Amino acid sequence: MVQFTAITCLFEIRVNDVPIFTMELKGQTSTRIPANLGIYQSGVQEVSVKMLPLKGESKLSPGARLDYNVVLYDVSNGFEHKETFEEYRSDAVKPDSIVPLYTHRSTFKATIPYTMKSYWLDGMDLSKVKDLDDKLRVSYKRIASLVKDKKFDIFKEKIANREYNMAASMYLSANEAEGRIRRLLNDFKNDYDLIEFPENTVTVYSSYGKRVSLKRLNGDPALSFVNTEEREQVMLDLEFYYSKDTQQFEII
């Protein structure tokens, strides 16, 4: 788990260059989030954090801060604390400072018992994909169309590798993994409509140039669905790699 406190900033936490949490925060929060989805092999792991200004601002707000550490738990029989790695505490931004962004990196060692489908490792270097933004937007709109047209069997196939990795890294049982997908599909079947796909998006690269996603300007996923009657929202956070075999973007 990455345990952190964040104050007044748009921040992102990555493990091995995989985004595991992004949030725009005008106040303060303290919580912990799983890091396993970014860990695909045993050995030395990298944690990187980035603080950015709030939307519409050009510098970090006074008092902005991000503290974090990595905590190891044994979940084989409950939730047992095993080890806390070195803690990092940033200095709060001073009122008269002009700080456009702030980053920090650290490492820790981890041994994992699971195996992910790491197809992105053999994917194309994204810097070599022509018309990447156009192709990526088309891929997102195809997924949105599957949901809109209620082609849920095809949609389920498209996210299968993503869901496999989620289940493996989070030690979900077969029933729990199937339940994740079933709940998502039930939402789509129960009047969750696509919020207008934004024209202005940010292209976010990860996995050291092998994976990519589209985000809204506030850091939220580009694909969001809403039930206006219940006033509830579902965000579909997707990452893609460019397959050398299919010569197109695939969800991972």
C-alpha atoms as a PDB file:
ATOM      1  CA  MET A   1       0.000   0.000   0.000  1.00  0.00           C
ATOM      2  CA  VAL A   2       1.045   3.597  -0.601  1.00  0.00           C
ATOM      3  CA  GLN A   3       0.015   5.625   2.436  1.00  0.00           C
ATOM      4  CA  PHE A   4      -0.143   9.372   1.836  1.00  0.00           C
ATOM      5  CA  THR A   5      -1.336  12.800   2.882  1.00  0.00           C
ATOM      6  CA  ALA A   6      -2.012  15.416   0.209  1.00  0.00           C
ATOM      7  CA  ILE A   7      -2.959  19.078   0.576  1.00  0.00           C
ATOM      8  CA  THR A   8      -4.275  21.568  -2.022  1.00  0.00           C
ATOM      9  CA  CYS A   9      -2.926  20.248  -5.327  1.00  0.00           C
ATOM     10  CA  LEU A  10      -3.523  18.051  -8.346  1.00  0.00           C
ATOM     11  CA  PHE A  11      -1.368  15.043  -7.592  1.00  0.00           C
ATOM     12  CA  GLU A  12      -0.435  11.717  -9.110  1.00  0.00           C
ATOM     13  CA  ILE A  13       1.153   8.634  -7.567  1.00  0.00           C
ATOM     14  CA  ARG A  14       2.874   6.027  -9.746  1.00  0.00           C
ATOM     15  CA  VAL A  15       4.471   2.664  -9.084  1.00  0.00           C
ATOM     16  CA  ASN A  16       6.947   1.605 -11.775  1.00  0.00           C
ATOM     17  CA  ASP A  17       5.546   4.471 -13.863  1.00  0.00           C
ATOM     18  CA  VAL A  18       2.008   3.053 -13.648  1.00  0.00           C
ATOM     19  CA  PRO A  19      -0.513   5.612 -12.344  1.00  0.00           C
ATOM     20  CA  ILE A  20      -2.277   4.137  -9.323  1.00  0.00           C
ATOM     21  CA  PHE A  21      -3.975   7.300  -8.028  1.00  0.00           C
ATOM     22  CA  THR A  22      -4.733  10.778  -9.407  1.00  0.00           C
ATOM     23  CA  MET A  23      -6.799  13.439  -7.724  1.00  0.00           C
ATOM     24  CA  GLU A  24      -7.406  17.191  -7.725  1.00  0.00           C
ATOM     25  CA  LEU A  25      -7.720  18.278  -4.121  1.00  0.00           C
ATOM     26  CA  LYS A  26      -8.625  21.726  -2.833  1.00  0.00           C
ATOM     27  CA  GLY A  27      -8.530  20.567   0.769  1.00  0.00           C
ATOM     28  CA  GLN A  28      -6.685  17.745   2.488  1.00  0.00           C
ATOM     29  CA  THR A  29      -6.879  13.961   2.496  1.00  0.00           C
ATOM     30  CA  SER A  30      -5.019  11.093   4.133  1.00  0.00           C
ATOM     31  CA  THR A  31      -5.511   7.502   3.039  1.00  0.00           C
ATOM     32  CA  ARG A  32      -3.758   4.441   1.646  1.00  0.00           C
ATOM     33  CA  ILE A  33      -4.140   2.753  -1.732  1.00  0.00           C
ATOM     34  CA  PRO A  34      -2.950  -0.588  -3.152  1.00  0.00           C
ATOM     35  CA  ALA A  35       0.319  -0.485  -5.076  1.00  0.00           C
ATOM     36  CA  ASN A  36       0.164  -4.026  -6.469  1.00  0.00           C
ATOM     37  CA  LEU A  37      -1.301  -3.074  -9.841  1.00  0.00           C
ATOM     38  CA  GLY A  38       1.997  -1.357 -10.659  1.00  0.00           C
ATOM     39  CA  ILE A  39       4.153  -4.317  -9.557  1.00  0.00           C
ATOM     40  CA  TYR A  40       4.477  -6.984 -12.258  1.00  0.00           C
ATOM     41  CA  GLN A  41       7.698  -8.692 -11.163  1.00  0.00           C
ATOM     42  CA  SER A  42       9.698  -9.194  -7.976  1.00  0.00           C
ATOM     43  CA  GLY A  43      12.671  -6.977  -7.222  1.00  0.00           C
ATOM     44  CA  VAL A  44      13.296  -3.255  -6.840  1.00  0.00           C
ATOM     45  CA  GLN A  45      10.167  -1.121  -7.368  1.00  0.00           C
ATOM     46  CA  GLU A  46       9.992   2.621  -8.011  1.00  0.00           C
ATOM     47  CA  VAL A  47       7.469   5.003  -6.495  1.00  0.00           C
ATOM     48  CA  SER A  48       7.128   8.445  -8.064  1.00  0.00           C
ATOM     49  CA  VAL A  49       4.855  11.282  -7.002  1.00  0.00           C
ATOM     50  CA  LYS A  50       4.031  14.504  -8.759  1.00  0.00           C
ATOM     51  CA  MET A  51       2.271  17.629  -7.500  1.00  0.00           C
ATOM     52  CA  LEU A  52       0.752  20.013 -10.049  1.00  0.00           C
ATOM     53  CA  PRO A  53      -1.184  23.274  -9.664  1.00  0.00           C
ATOM     54  CA  LEU A  54      -4.955  23.215  -9.326  1.00  0.00           C
ATOM     55  CA  LYS A  55      -6.895  23.603 -12.574  1.00  0.00           C
ATOM     56  CA  GLY A  56      -6.573  27.169 -13.892  1.00  0.00           C
ATOM     57  CA  GLU A  57      -3.515  27.946 -11.775  1.00  0.00           C
ATOM     58  CA  SER A  58       0.093  28.232 -12.966  1.00  0.00           C
ATOM     59  CA  LYS A  59       1.837  27.480  -9.686  1.00  0.00           C
ATOM     60  CA  LEU A  60       1.324  25.293  -6.643  1.00  0.00           C
ATOM     61  CA  SER A  61      -0.944  26.789  -3.997  1.00  0.00           C
ATOM     62  CA  PRO A  62       0.524  28.023  -0.694  1.00  0.00           C
ATOM     63  CA  GLY A  63       0.597  25.147   1.769  1.00  0.00           C
ATOM     64  CA  ALA A  64       0.513  22.461  -0.933  1.00  0.00           C
ATOM     65  CA  ARG A  65       2.176  19.286   0.315  1.00  0.00           C
ATOM     66  CA  LEU A  66       2.424  15.557  -0.381  1.00  0.00           C
ATOM     67  CA  ASP A  67       3.785  13.038   2.121  1.00  0.00           C
ATOM     68  CA  TYR A  68       3.930   9.292   1.540  1.00  0.00           C
ATOM     69  CA  ASN A  69       5.435   5.955   2.454  1.00  0.00           C
ATOM     70  CA  VAL A  70       5.037   2.344   1.336  1.00  0.00           C
ATOM     71  CA  VAL A  71       3.601  -0.179   3.771  1.00  0.00           C
ATOM     72  CA  LEU A  72       3.714  -3.957   3.354  1.00  0.00           C
ATOM     73  CA  TYR A  73       0.774  -6.036   4.586  1.00  0.00           C
ATOM     74  CA  ASP A  74       0.242  -9.774   4.658  1.00  0.00           C
ATOM     75  CA  VAL A  75      -3.350 -10.402   3.541  1.00  0.00           C
ATOM     76  CA  SER A  76      -3.245 -14.203   3.514  1.00  0.00           C
ATOM     77  CA  ASN A  77      -5.071 -14.259   6.849  1.00  0.00           C
ATOM     78  CA  GLY A  78      -6.600 -10.885   7.541  1.00  0.00           C
ATOM     79  CA  PHE A  79      -4.630  -7.648   7.212  1.00  0.00           C
ATOM     80  CA  GLU A  80      -1.333  -7.978   9.067  1.00  0.00           C
ATOM     81  CA  HIS A  81       1.251  -5.181   9.028  1.00  0.00           C
ATOM     82  CA  LYS A  82       4.696  -6.508   8.117  1.00  0.00           C
ATOM     83  CA  GLU A  83       6.945  -3.555   7.275  1.00  0.00           C
ATOM     84  CA  THR A  84       6.928   0.194   6.745  1.00  0.00           C
ATOM     85  CA  PHE A  85       9.458   1.560   4.303  1.00  0.00           C
ATOM     86  CA  GLU A  86      11.199   4.903   4.714  1.00  0.00           C
ATOM     87  CA  GLU A  87       8.739   7.769   4.960  1.00  0.00           C
ATOM     88  CA  TYR A  88       9.022  10.883   2.795  1.00  0.00           C
ATOM     89  CA  ARG A  89       7.666  14.272   3.818  1.00  0.00           C
ATOM     90  CA  SER A  90       7.738  17.236   1.461  1.00  0.00           C
ATOM     91  CA  ASP A  91       7.989  20.828   2.645  1.00  0.00           C
ATOM     92  CA  ALA A  92       4.775  22.836   2.378  1.00  0.00           C
ATOM     93  CA  VAL A  93       4.887  25.418  -0.422  1.00  0.00           C
ATOM     94  CA  LYS A  94       5.574  28.857   1.038  1.00  0.00           C
ATOM     95  CA  PRO A  95       3.165  31.744   0.273  1.00  0.00           C
ATOM     96  CA  ASP A  96       5.750  33.734  -1.687  1.00  0.00           C
ATOM     97  CA  SER A  97       7.123  30.755  -3.659  1.00  0.00           C
ATOM     98  CA  ILE A  98       6.593  30.166  -7.365  1.00  0.00           C
ATOM     99  CA  VAL A  99       6.675  26.392  -7.806  1.00  0.00           C
ATOM    100  CA  PRO A 100       5.170  25.115 -11.104  1.00  0.00           C
ATOM    101  CA  LEU A 101       5.409  21.437 -10.107  1.00  0.00           C
ATOM    102  CA  TYR A 102       7.043  19.101  -7.637  1.00  0.00           C
ATOM    103  CA  THR A 103       8.264  15.525  -8.085  1.00  0.00           C
ATOM    104  CA  HIS A 104       9.911  12.875  -5.931  1.00  0.00           C
ATOM    105  CA  ARG A 105      11.093   9.296  -6.486  1.00  0.00           C
ATOM    106  CA  SER A 106      12.013   6.481  -4.134  1.00  0.00           C
ATOM    107  CA  THR A 107      12.489   2.712  -4.328  1.00  0.00           C
ATOM    108  CA  PHE A 108      11.619  -0.353  -2.295  1.00  0.00           C
ATOM    109  CA  LYS A 109      11.958  -4.106  -2.726  1.00  0.00           C
ATOM    110  CA  ALA A 110       8.983  -6.428  -3.159  1.00  0.00           C
ATOM    111  CA  THR A 111       8.483 -10.133  -3.784  1.00  0.00           C
ATOM    112  CA  ILE A 112       5.188 -11.025  -5.439  1.00  0.00           C
ATOM    113  CA  PRO A 113       3.473 -14.422  -5.779  1.00  0.00           C
ATOM    114  CA  TYR A 114       1.274 -13.530  -8.783  1.00  0.00           C
ATOM    115  CA  THR A 115       1.845 -13.250 -12.529  1.00  0.00           C
ATOM    116  CA  MET A 116       0.368 -10.488 -14.651  1.00  0.00           C
ATOM    117  CA  LYS A 117      -0.393 -10.400 -18.349  1.00  0.00           C
ATOM    118  CA  SER A 118       2.321  -7.869 -19.182  1.00  0.00           C
ATOM    119  CA  TYR A 119       1.699  -7.640 -22.927  1.00  0.00           C
ATOM    120  CA  TRP A 120       2.720  -3.977 -22.962  1.00  0.00           C
ATOM    121  CA  LEU A 121       6.353  -4.999 -22.489  1.00  0.00           C
ATOM    122  CA  ASP A 122       6.303  -6.338 -26.058  1.00  0.00           C
ATOM    123  CA  GLY A 123       4.143  -3.486 -27.327  1.00  0.00           C
ATOM    124  CA  MET A 124       5.369  -0.784 -29.656  1.00  0.00           C
ATOM    125  CA  ASP A 125       7.284   2.181 -28.293  1.00  0.00           C
ATOM    126  CA  LEU A 126       4.527   4.791 -28.335  1.00  0.00           C
ATOM    127  CA  SER A 127       6.872   7.485 -29.633  1.00  0.00           C
ATOM    128  CA  LYS A 128       6.902   5.512 -32.903  1.00  0.00           C
ATOM    129  CA  VAL A 129       3.112   5.289 -33.308  1.00  0.00           C
ATOM    130  CA  LYS A 130       1.954   7.676 -36.034  1.00  0.00           C
ATOM    131  CA  ASP A 131      -1.110   9.817 -35.337  1.00  0.00           C
ATOM    132  CA  LEU A 132      -1.213   8.447 -31.816  1.00  0.00           C
ATOM    133  CA  ASP A 133      -3.744  10.902 -30.404  1.00  0.00           C
ATOM    134  CA  ASP A 134      -6.215  10.328 -33.248  1.00  0.00           C
ATOM    135  CA  LYS A 135      -5.902   6.539 -33.029  1.00  0.00           C
ATOM    136  CA  LEU A 136      -6.262   6.617 -29.257  1.00  0.00           C
ATOM    137  CA  ARG A 137      -9.414   8.751 -29.362  1.00  0.00           C
ATOM    138  CA  VAL A 138     -10.907   6.333 -31.892  1.00  0.00           C
ATOM    139  CA  SER A 139     -10.126   3.430 -29.530  1.00  0.00           C
ATOM    140  CA  TYR A 140     -11.869   5.178 -26.648  1.00  0.00           C
ATOM    141  CA  LYS A 141     -14.918   5.967 -28.768  1.00  0.00           C
ATOM    142  CA  ARG A 142     -15.133   2.328 -29.848  1.00  0.00           C
ATOM    143  CA  ILE A 143     -15.320   1.259 -26.215  1.00  0.00           C
ATOM    144  CA  ALA A 144     -17.945   3.927 -25.515  1.00  0.00           C
ATOM    145  CA  SER A 145     -19.967   2.674 -28.504  1.00  0.00           C
ATOM    146  CA  LEU A 146     -19.902  -0.893 -27.202  1.00  0.00           C
ATOM    147  CA  VAL A 147     -21.454   0.304 -23.961  1.00  0.00           C
ATOM    148  CA  LYS A 148     -23.943   2.598 -25.686  1.00  0.00           C
ATOM    149  CA  ASP A 149     -25.037  -0.175 -28.086  1.00  0.00           C
ATOM    150  CA  LYS A 150     -25.178  -2.675 -25.190  1.00  0.00           C
ATOM    151  CA  LYS A 151     -22.674  -5.031 -26.813  1.00  0.00           C
ATOM    152  CA  PHE A 152     -21.561  -6.197 -23.406  1.00  0.00           C
ATOM    153  CA  ASP A 153     -20.057  -9.531 -24.486  1.00  0.00           C
ATOM    154  CA  ILE A 154     -17.610  -7.743 -26.783  1.00  0.00           C
ATOM    155  CA  PHE A 155     -16.927  -5.118 -24.118  1.00  0.00           C
ATOM    156  CA  LYS A 156     -16.167  -7.849 -21.602  1.00  0.00           C
ATOM    157  CA  GLU A 157     -13.655  -9.394 -24.031  1.00  0.00           C
ATOM    158  CA  LYS A 158     -11.962  -6.032 -24.565  1.00  0.00           C
ATOM    159  CA  ILE A 159     -11.345  -5.475 -20.841  1.00  0.00           C
ATOM    160  CA  ALA A 160     -10.483  -9.119 -20.057  1.00  0.00           C
ATOM    161  CA  ASN A 161      -6.712  -8.563 -19.714  1.00  0.00           C
ATOM    162  CA  ARG A 162      -7.270  -5.499 -17.527  1.00  0.00           C
ATOM    163  CA  GLU A 163      -9.604  -7.422 -15.258  1.00  0.00           C
ATOM    164  CA  TYR A 164      -7.256 -10.423 -15.103  1.00  0.00           C
ATOM    165  CA  ASN A 165      -4.410  -8.197 -13.910  1.00  0.00           C
ATOM    166  CA  MET A 166      -6.649  -6.492 -11.383  1.00  0.00           C
ATOM    167  CA  ALA A 167      -7.814  -9.824  -9.974  1.00  0.00           C
ATOM    168  CA  ALA A 168      -4.305 -11.333  -9.886  1.00  0.00           C
ATOM    169  CA  SER A 169      -2.627  -8.354  -8.229  1.00  0.00           C
ATOM    170  CA  MET A 170      -5.410  -7.896  -5.665  1.00  0.00           C
ATOM    171  CA  TYR A 171      -5.710 -11.641  -4.863  1.00  0.00           C
ATOM    172  CA  LEU A 172      -9.390 -11.753  -5.817  1.00  0.00           C
ATOM    173  CA  SER A 173     -11.193 -15.069  -5.941  1.00  0.00           C
ATOM    174  CA  ALA A 174     -12.911 -16.152  -9.145  1.00  0.00           C
ATOM    175  CA  ASN A 175     -16.261 -15.109  -7.670  1.00  0.00           C
ATOM    176  CA  GLU A 176     -14.917 -11.719  -6.582  1.00  0.00           C
ATOM    177  CA  ALA A 177     -13.371 -11.087 -10.003  1.00  0.00           C
ATOM    178  CA  GLU A 178     -16.581 -12.014 -11.774  1.00  0.00           C
ATOM    179  CA  GLY A 179     -18.507  -9.823  -9.341  1.00  0.00           C
ATOM    180  CA  ARG A 180     -16.414  -6.779 -10.329  1.00  0.00           C
ATOM    181  CA  ILE A 181     -17.370  -7.179 -13.968  1.00  0.00           C
ATOM    182  CA  ARG A 182     -20.996  -8.037 -13.187  1.00  0.00           C
ATOM    183  CA  ARG A 183     -21.437  -4.864 -11.111  1.00  0.00           C
ATOM    184  CA  LEU A 184     -19.938  -2.743 -13.882  1.00  0.00           C
ATOM    185  CA  LEU A 185     -22.170  -4.287 -16.536  1.00  0.00           C
ATOM    186  CA  ASN A 186     -25.223  -3.917 -14.296  1.00  0.00           C
ATOM    187  CA  ASP A 187     -24.499  -0.198 -14.008  1.00  0.00           C
ATOM    188  CA  PHE A 188     -24.315   0.111 -17.784  1.00  0.00           C
ATOM    189  CA  LYS A 189     -27.554  -1.819 -18.161  1.00  0.00           C
ATOM    190  CA  ASN A 190     -29.331   0.441 -15.650  1.00  0.00           C
ATOM    191  CA  ASP A 191     -29.381   3.782 -17.444  1.00  0.00           C
ATOM    192  CA  TYR A 192     -25.790   4.892 -17.010  1.00  0.00           C
ATOM    193  CA  ASP A 193     -25.202   7.126 -20.032  1.00  0.00           C
ATOM    194  CA  LEU A 194     -21.891   8.413 -21.369  1.00  0.00           C
ATOM    195  CA  ILE A 195     -21.029  11.925 -20.288  1.00  0.00           C
ATOM    196  CA  GLU A 196     -20.019  13.817 -23.422  1.00  0.00           C
ATOM    197  CA  PHE A 197     -16.583  12.629 -24.495  1.00  0.00           C
ATOM    198  CA  PRO A 198     -14.369  15.699 -23.942  1.00  0.00           C
ATOM    199  CA  GLU A 199     -12.710  17.426 -26.861  1.00  0.00           C
ATOM    200  CA  ASN A 200      -9.967  18.698 -24.574  1.00  0.00           C
ATOM    201  CA  THR A 201      -8.077  15.802 -23.005  1.00  0.00           C
ATOM    202  CA  VAL A 202      -4.594  15.181 -21.677  1.00  0.00           C
ATOM    203  CA  THR A 203      -2.609  12.280 -23.131  1.00  0.00           C
ATOM    204  CA  VAL A 204      -0.944  10.498 -20.207  1.00  0.00           C
ATOM    205  CA  TYR A 205       1.937   8.116 -20.903  1.00  0.00           C
ATOM    206  CA  SER A 206       3.005   5.406 -18.484  1.00  0.00           C
ATOM    207  CA  SER A 207       5.087   2.227 -18.125  1.00  0.00           C
ATOM    208  CA  TYR A 208       8.086   4.121 -19.469  1.00  0.00           C
ATOM    209  CA  GLY A 209       6.487   4.918 -22.809  1.00  0.00           C
ATOM    210  CA  LYS A 210       4.629   1.650 -23.377  1.00  0.00           C
ATOM    211  CA  ARG A 211       1.118   2.508 -22.096  1.00  0.00           C
ATOM    212  CA  VAL A 212      -1.147   5.508 -22.577  1.00  0.00           C
ATOM    213  CA  SER A 213      -4.512   6.882 -21.501  1.00  0.00           C
ATOM    214  CA  LEU A 214      -6.681   9.952 -21.932  1.00  0.00           C
ATOM    215  CA  LYS A 215      -7.636  12.062 -18.944  1.00  0.00           C
ATOM    216  CA  ARG A 216      -9.905  15.036 -18.448  1.00  0.00           C
ATOM    217  CA  LEU A 217      -8.221  18.313 -17.502  1.00  0.00           C
ATOM    218  CA  ASN A 218      -8.888  17.668 -13.806  1.00  0.00           C
ATOM    219  CA  GLY A 219      -7.224  14.240 -13.963  1.00  0.00           C
ATOM    220  CA  ASP A 220     -10.440  12.171 -14.135  1.00  0.00           C
ATOM    221  CA  PRO A 221     -10.726   9.375 -16.725  1.00  0.00           C
ATOM    222  CA  ALA A 222     -11.951  10.472 -20.158  1.00  0.00           C
ATOM    223  CA  LEU A 223     -14.781   7.914 -20.148  1.00  0.00           C
ATOM    224  CA  SER A 224     -17.395   8.693 -17.512  1.00  0.00           C
ATOM    225  CA  PHE A 225     -20.990   7.481 -17.301  1.00  0.00           C
ATOM    226  CA  VAL A 226     -23.791   8.965 -15.235  1.00  0.00           C
ATOM    227  CA  ASN A 227     -27.213   7.916 -13.984  1.00  0.00           C
ATOM    228  CA  THR A 228     -29.031  11.245 -13.872  1.00  0.00           C
ATOM    229  CA  GLU A 229     -31.956   9.871 -11.876  1.00  0.00           C
ATOM    230  CA  GLU A 230     -29.760   8.406  -9.132  1.00  0.00           C
ATOM    231  CA  ARG A 231     -27.151  11.158  -9.497  1.00  0.00           C
ATOM    232  CA  GLU A 232     -24.387   8.563  -9.534  1.00  0.00           C
ATOM    233  CA  GLN A 233     -21.335   8.379 -11.775  1.00  0.00           C
ATOM    234  CA  VAL A 234     -19.103   5.562 -13.006  1.00  0.00           C
ATOM    235  CA  MET A 235     -15.611   6.380 -14.277  1.00  0.00           C
ATOM    236  CA  LEU A 236     -14.008   3.859 -16.632  1.00  0.00           C
ATOM    237  CA  ASP A 237     -10.259   4.220 -16.154  1.00  0.00           C
ATOM    238  CA  LEU A 238      -8.510   2.533 -19.084  1.00  0.00           C
ATOM    239  CA  GLU A 239      -4.922   2.176 -20.248  1.00  0.00           C
ATOM    240  CA  PHE A 240      -3.864   1.022 -23.698  1.00  0.00           C
ATOM    241  CA  TYR A 241      -0.746  -0.415 -25.303  1.00  0.00           C
ATOM    242  CA  TYR A 242      -0.083  -0.602 -29.052  1.00  0.00           C
ATOM    243  CA  SER A 243       0.031  -4.236 -30.114  1.00  0.00           C
ATOM    244  CA  LYS A 244       2.580  -5.225 -32.742  1.00  0.00           C
ATOM    245  CA  ASP A 245       0.352  -8.180 -33.647  1.00  0.00           C
ATOM    246  CA  THR A 246      -2.957  -6.397 -34.154  1.00  0.00           C
ATOM    247  CA  GLN A 247      -1.420  -3.028 -35.108  1.00  0.00           C
ATOM    248  CA  GLN A 248      -3.901  -1.191 -32.937  1.00  0.00           C
ATOM    249  CA  PHE A 249      -4.457  -0.064 -29.364  1.00  0.00           C
ATOM    250  CA  GLU A 250      -5.495  -2.784 -26.919  1.00  0.00           C
ATOM    251  CA  ILE A 251      -6.685  -2.365 -23.323  1.00  0.00           C
ATOM    252  CA  ILE A 252      -4.333  -3.657 -20.637  1.00  0.00           C
END
